[in-house]
């Protein structure tokens, strides 16, 4: 059997209108609930981010406080590093001049003596050696005024003969850390005058320039003995 609606037409239209209003109310409530949920979620995220930002700010303040406390230690560390670097540079420039003079005294021929010695760890100008006198042989090994970047020494003195000057140069070339020996001059000041403390006289006044290795040798050479080694012309 087919069901038959016995309600009047007016009642039928009113019932349909009530159903639509109920659906609209339900839809509005659902939309409101959705908006509340979205707002709650957004508010929670904002609060979490604010809390995280506050935590980061506090950590930054703590780090700044620690940095301020450790600032003095950092300055001390930089000062210590600078001083250590300065000491290393001084140690690298150090030269054992006492040993050099002792070795020169061992290789110096018995017939001669030194009248002047100049030395520097940063080099000397070769213009400090000025040849003088007449009647001898002289040779300029380095242009005047040119300086060496490493340790250097200039020696002046008196020797009986030119052979003694040549022998001394050979011996000096064998000294510790010496890499080159240059003859600046070798002349007789006065052939008719006897040598004295003021003048070489008939002896030859020599001037030589010694250049040293800038860096110390990896293996230290032996200090030597009180006698001149045979390879340096000992016994002559």
Foldseek 3Di string as FASTA:
>chain_A
DDDDDPDDPVVVVVVVVVVVVVVVVVVVVVVVVVVVVVVVVVVVVVVVVVVVVVVVVVVVVVVVVVCVVCVVVVVVVVVVVVVVVVVVVVVLLDDDVVLVVLLLVQLQDPQKDWLDKDKDQQWDFPLVDDDDADDDDFDQPDPGRDTDRGIKMKIKMWGADVVSVVLSLQLSCPDAQWPHKAWGTWHARACVDPCDSVHNHNTIITMMMTDGDSGHDPDDDDSDDSHDDVSSVTPD
